[in-house]
Amino acid sequence: MLDKQFLQRIITLAADNAAEGRRPFGAIIVEDETQSALYRTRWQRHHS
């Protein structure tokens, strides 16, 4: 994968989280140019 593709994947993860009512966070760990892990927050937004 190219850097641009990794960045797009992170943006997609963040957008998916936001669409599900979570915080807009997404991260991947890249090792030897392969995607090793995907991380998405599981924190729910608290509404008052």
PDB file of N, CA and C in Angstrom:
ATOM      1  N   MET A   1       0.838  -1.185   0.000  1.00  0.00           N
ATOM      2  CA  MET A   1       0.000   0.000   0.000  1.00  0.00           C
ATOM      3  C   MET A   1       0.878   1.241   0.000  1.00  0.00           C
ATOM      4  N   LEU A   2       0.399   2.251  -0.617  1.00  0.00           N
ATOM      5  CA  LEU A   2       1.098   3.529  -0.624  1.00  0.00           C
ATOM      6  C   LEU A   2       0.699   4.356   0.587  1.00  0.00           C
ATOM      7  N   ASP A   3       1.543   5.337   0.942  1.00  0.00           N
ATOM      8  CA  ASP A   3       1.230   6.222   2.069  1.00  0.00           C
ATOM      9  C   ASP A   3      -0.162   6.830   1.932  1.00  0.00           C
ATOM     10  N   LYS A   4      -0.491   7.263   0.714  1.00  0.00           N
ATOM     11  CA  LYS A   4      -1.798   7.884   0.485  1.00  0.00           C
ATOM     12  C   LYS A   4      -2.933   6.906   0.803  1.00  0.00           C
ATOM     13  N   GLN A   5      -2.754   5.645   0.477  1.00  0.00           N
ATOM     14  CA  GLN A   5      -3.777   4.631   0.755  1.00  0.00           C
ATOM     15  C   GLN A   5      -3.916   4.391   2.256  1.00  0.00           C
ATOM     16  N   PHE A   6      -2.794   4.374   2.979  1.00  0.00           N
ATOM     17  CA  PHE A   6      -2.857   4.220   4.430  1.00  0.00           C
ATOM     18  C   PHE A   6      -3.580   5.406   5.053  1.00  0.00           C
ATOM     19  N   LEU A   7      -3.257   6.606   4.614  1.00  0.00           N
ATOM     20  CA  LEU A   7      -3.916   7.797   5.146  1.00  0.00           C
ATOM     21  C   LEU A   7      -5.412   7.777   4.858  1.00  0.00           C
ATOM     22  N   GLN A   8      -5.793   7.354   3.666  1.00  0.00           N
ATOM     23  CA  GLN A   8      -7.214   7.275   3.320  1.00  0.00           C
ATOM     24  C   GLN A   8      -7.932   6.267   4.215  1.00  0.00           C
ATOM     25  N   ARG A   9      -7.278   5.165   4.531  1.00  0.00           N
ATOM     26  CA  ARG A   9      -7.877   4.152   5.409  1.00  0.00           C
ATOM     27  C   ARG A   9      -8.109   4.723   6.808  1.00  0.00           C
ATOM     28  N   ILE A  10      -7.156   5.505   7.315  1.00  0.00           N
ATOM     29  CA  ILE A  10      -7.304   6.135   8.628  1.00  0.00           C
ATOM     30  C   ILE A  10      -8.473   7.114   8.612  1.00  0.00           C
ATOM     31  N   ILE A  11      -8.575   7.910   7.561  1.00  0.00           N
ATOM     32  CA  ILE A  11      -9.675   8.874   7.442  1.00  0.00           C
ATOM     33  C   ILE A  11     -11.013   8.146   7.406  1.00  0.00           C
ATOM     34  N   THR A  12     -11.078   7.042   6.683  1.00  0.00           N
ATOM     35  CA  THR A  12     -12.305   6.253   6.607  1.00  0.00           C
ATOM     36  C   THR A  12     -12.688   5.699   7.976  1.00  0.00           C
ATOM     37  N   LEU A  13     -11.709   5.189   8.726  1.00  0.00           N
ATOM     38  CA  LEU A  13     -11.993   4.689  10.075  1.00  0.00           C
ATOM     39  C   LEU A  13     -12.555   5.791  10.961  1.00  0.00           C
ATOM     40  N   ALA A  14     -11.949   6.973  10.895  1.00  0.00           N
ATOM     41  CA  ALA A  14     -12.412   8.102  11.711  1.00  0.00           C
ATOM     42  C   ALA A  14     -13.829   8.516  11.316  1.00  0.00           C
ATOM     43  N   ALA A  15     -14.101   8.576  10.022  1.00  0.00           N
ATOM     44  CA  ALA A  15     -15.434   8.960   9.549  1.00  0.00           C
ATOM     45  C   ALA A  15     -16.478   7.923   9.962  1.00  0.00           C
ATOM     46  N   ASP A  16     -16.128   6.647   9.881  1.00  0.00           N
ATOM     47  CA  ASP A  16     -17.045   5.583  10.305  1.00  0.00           C
ATOM     48  C   ASP A  16     -17.366   5.708  11.791  1.00  0.00           C
ATOM     49  N   ASN A  17     -16.344   5.981  12.596  1.00  0.00           N
ATOM     50  CA  ASN A  17     -16.572   6.169  14.032  1.00  0.00           C
ATOM     51  C   ASN A  17     -17.524   7.326  14.283  1.00  0.00           C
ATOM     52  N   ALA A  18     -17.295   8.444  13.628  1.00  0.00           N
ATOM     53  CA  ALA A  18     -18.143   9.625  13.813  1.00  0.00           C
ATOM     54  C   ALA A  18     -19.581   9.324  13.387  1.00  0.00           C
ATOM     55  N   ALA A  19     -19.750   8.597  12.295  1.00  0.00           N
ATOM     56  CA  ALA A  19     -21.088   8.254  11.806  1.00  0.00           C
ATOM     57  C   ALA A  19     -21.834   7.345  12.784  1.00  0.00           C
ATOM     58  N   GLU A  20     -21.092   6.588  13.589  1.00  0.00           N
ATOM     59  CA  GLU A  20     -21.694   5.684  14.569  1.00  0.00           C
ATOM     60  C   GLU A  20     -21.844   6.338  15.941  1.00  0.00           C
ATOM     61  N   GLY A  21     -21.604   7.656  16.011  1.00  0.00           N
ATOM     62  CA  GLY A  21     -21.773   8.368  17.272  1.00  0.00           C
ATOM     63  C   GLY A  21     -20.576   8.296  18.195  1.00  0.00           C
ATOM     64  N   ARG A  22     -19.458   7.836  17.676  1.00  0.00           N
ATOM     65  CA  ARG A  22     -18.242   7.755  18.479  1.00  0.00           C
ATOM     66  C   ARG A  22     -17.338   8.942  18.152  1.00  0.00           C
ATOM     67  N   ARG A  23     -16.215   8.994  18.815  1.00  0.00           N
ATOM     68  CA  ARG A  23     -15.240  10.050  18.532  1.00  0.00           C
ATOM     69  C   ARG A  23     -14.597   9.799  17.168  1.00  0.00           C
ATOM     70  N   PRO A  24     -14.260  10.871  16.450  1.00  0.00           N
ATOM     71  CA  PRO A  24     -13.666  10.710  15.115  1.00  0.00           C
ATOM     72  C   PRO A  24     -12.190  10.336  15.205  1.00  0.00           C
ATOM     73  N   PHE A  25     -11.915   9.083  15.538  1.00  0.00           N
ATOM     74  CA  PHE A  25     -10.551   8.611  15.697  1.00  0.00           C
ATOM     75  C   PHE A  25     -10.367   7.334  14.898  1.00  0.00           C
ATOM     76  N   GLY A  26      -9.252   7.230  14.213  1.00  0.00           N
ATOM     77  CA  GLY A  26      -8.892   6.001  13.519  1.00  0.00           C
ATOM     78  C   GLY A  26      -7.386   5.922  13.440  1.00  0.00           C
ATOM     79  N   ALA A  27      -6.832   4.746  13.594  1.00  0.00           N
ATOM     80  CA  ALA A  27      -5.381   4.582  13.534  1.00  0.00           C
ATOM     81  C   ALA A  27      -5.053   3.206  12.976  1.00  0.00           C
ATOM     82  N   ILE A  28      -3.957   3.125  12.280  1.00  0.00           N
ATOM     83  CA  ILE A  28      -3.444   1.838  11.830  1.00  0.00           C
ATOM     84  C   ILE A  28      -1.965   1.781  12.172  1.00  0.00           C
ATOM     85  N   ILE A  29      -1.472   0.588  12.371  1.00  0.00           N
ATOM     86  CA  ILE A  29      -0.045   0.381  12.596  1.00  0.00           C
ATOM     87  C   ILE A  29       0.503  -0.246  11.329  1.00  0.00           C
ATOM     88  N   VAL A  30       1.533   0.370  10.768  1.00  0.00           N
ATOM     89  CA  VAL A  30       2.119  -0.109   9.520  1.00  0.00           C
ATOM     90  C   VAL A  30       3.514  -0.645   9.817  1.00  0.00           C
ATOM     91  N   GLU A  31       3.748  -1.864   9.383  1.00  0.00           N
ATOM     92  CA  GLU A  31       5.044  -2.488   9.598  1.00  0.00           C
ATOM     93  C   GLU A  31       5.476  -3.103   8.273  1.00  0.00           C
ATOM     94  N   ASP A  32       6.622  -2.714   7.783  1.00  0.00           N
ATOM     95  CA  ASP A  32       7.118  -3.225   6.505  1.00  0.00           C
ATOM     96  C   ASP A  32       6.106  -3.038   5.379  1.00  0.00           C
ATOM     97  N   GLU A  33       5.457  -1.876   5.393  1.00  0.00           N
ATOM     98  CA  GLU A  33       4.470  -1.501   4.379  1.00  0.00           C
ATOM     99  C   GLU A  33       3.274  -2.447   4.303  1.00  0.00           C
ATOM    100  N   THR A  34       2.978  -3.139   5.384  1.00  0.00           N
ATOM    101  CA  THR A  34       1.765  -3.947   5.452  1.00  0.00           C
ATOM    102  C   THR A  34       0.944  -3.462   6.630  1.00  0.00           C
ATOM    103  N   GLN A  35      -0.326  -3.579   6.501  1.00  0.00           N
ATOM    104  CA  GLN A  35      -1.225  -3.123   7.556  1.00  0.00           C
ATOM    105  C   GLN A  35      -1.262  -4.192   8.638  1.00  0.00           C
ATOM    106  N   SER A  36      -0.701  -3.876   9.804  1.00  0.00           N
ATOM    107  CA  SER A  36      -0.619  -4.852  10.885  1.00  0.00           C
ATOM    108  C   SER A  36      -1.863  -4.877  11.756  1.00  0.00           C
ATOM    109  N   ALA A  37      -2.449  -3.717  11.977  1.00  0.00           N
ATOM    110  CA  ALA A  37      -3.596  -3.673  12.884  1.00  0.00           C
ATOM    111  C   ALA A  37      -4.448  -2.456  12.599  1.00  0.00           C
ATOM    112  N   LEU A  38      -5.718  -2.578  12.861  1.00  0.00           N
ATOM    113  CA  LEU A  38      -6.656  -1.464  12.768  1.00  0.00           C
ATOM    114  C   LEU A  38      -7.161  -1.167  14.168  1.00  0.00           C
ATOM    115  N   TYR A  39      -7.281   0.104  14.485  1.00  0.00           N
ATOM    116  CA  TYR A  39      -7.796   0.484  15.794  1.00  0.00           C
ATOM    117  C   TYR A  39      -8.926   1.478  15.624  1.00  0.00           C
ATOM    118  N   ARG A  40     -10.008   1.231  16.329  1.00  0.00           N
ATOM    119  CA  ARG A  40     -11.133   2.164  16.377  1.00  0.00           C
ATOM    120  C   ARG A  40     -11.507   2.325  17.834  1.00  0.00           C
ATOM    121  N   THR A  41     -11.847   3.524  18.213  1.00  0.00           N
ATOM    122  CA  THR A  41     -12.254   3.717  19.604  1.00  0.00           C
ATOM    123  C   THR A  41     -13.599   3.057  19.827  1.00  0.00           C
ATOM    124  N   ARG A  42     -13.846   2.665  21.034  1.00  0.00           N
ATOM    125  CA  ARG A  42     -15.137   2.104  21.417  1.00  0.00           C
ATOM    126  C   ARG A  42     -15.823   3.018  22.424  1.00  0.00           C
ATOM    127  N   TRP A  43     -15.283   4.220  22.619  1.00  0.00           N
ATOM    128  CA  TRP A  43     -15.866   5.175  23.555  1.00  0.00           C
ATOM    129  C   TRP A  43     -17.130   5.754  22.955  1.00  0.00           C
ATOM    130  N   GLN A  44     -18.190   5.680  23.685  1.00  0.00           N
ATOM    131  CA  GLN A  44     -19.450   6.271  23.250  1.00  0.00           C
ATOM    132  C   GLN A  44     -19.483   7.737  23.656  1.00  0.00           C
ATOM    133  N   ARG A  45     -20.133   8.537  22.865  1.00  0.00           N
ATOM    134  CA  ARG A  45     -20.339   9.938  23.236  1.00  0.00           C
ATOM    135  C   ARG A  45     -21.337   9.995  24.374  1.00  0.00           C
ATOM    136  N   HIS A  46     -21.080  10.882  25.306  1.00  0.00           N
ATOM    137  CA  HIS A  46     -22.003  11.075  26.416  1.00  0.00           C
ATOM    138  C   HIS A  46     -22.820  12.327  26.149  1.00  0.00           C
ATOM    139  N   HIS A  47     -24.120  12.174  26.112  1.00  0.00           N
ATOM    140  CA  HIS A  47     -25.015  13.306  25.881  1.00  0.00           C
ATOM    141  C   HIS A  47     -25.638  13.708  27.206  1.00  0.00           C
ATOM    142  N   SER A  48     -25.654  15.021  27.464  1.00  0.00           N
ATOM    143  CA  SER A  48     -26.247  15.480  28.724  1.00  0.00           C
ATOM    144  C   SER A  48     -27.725  15.733  28.573  1.00  0.00           C
TER     145      SER A  48
END
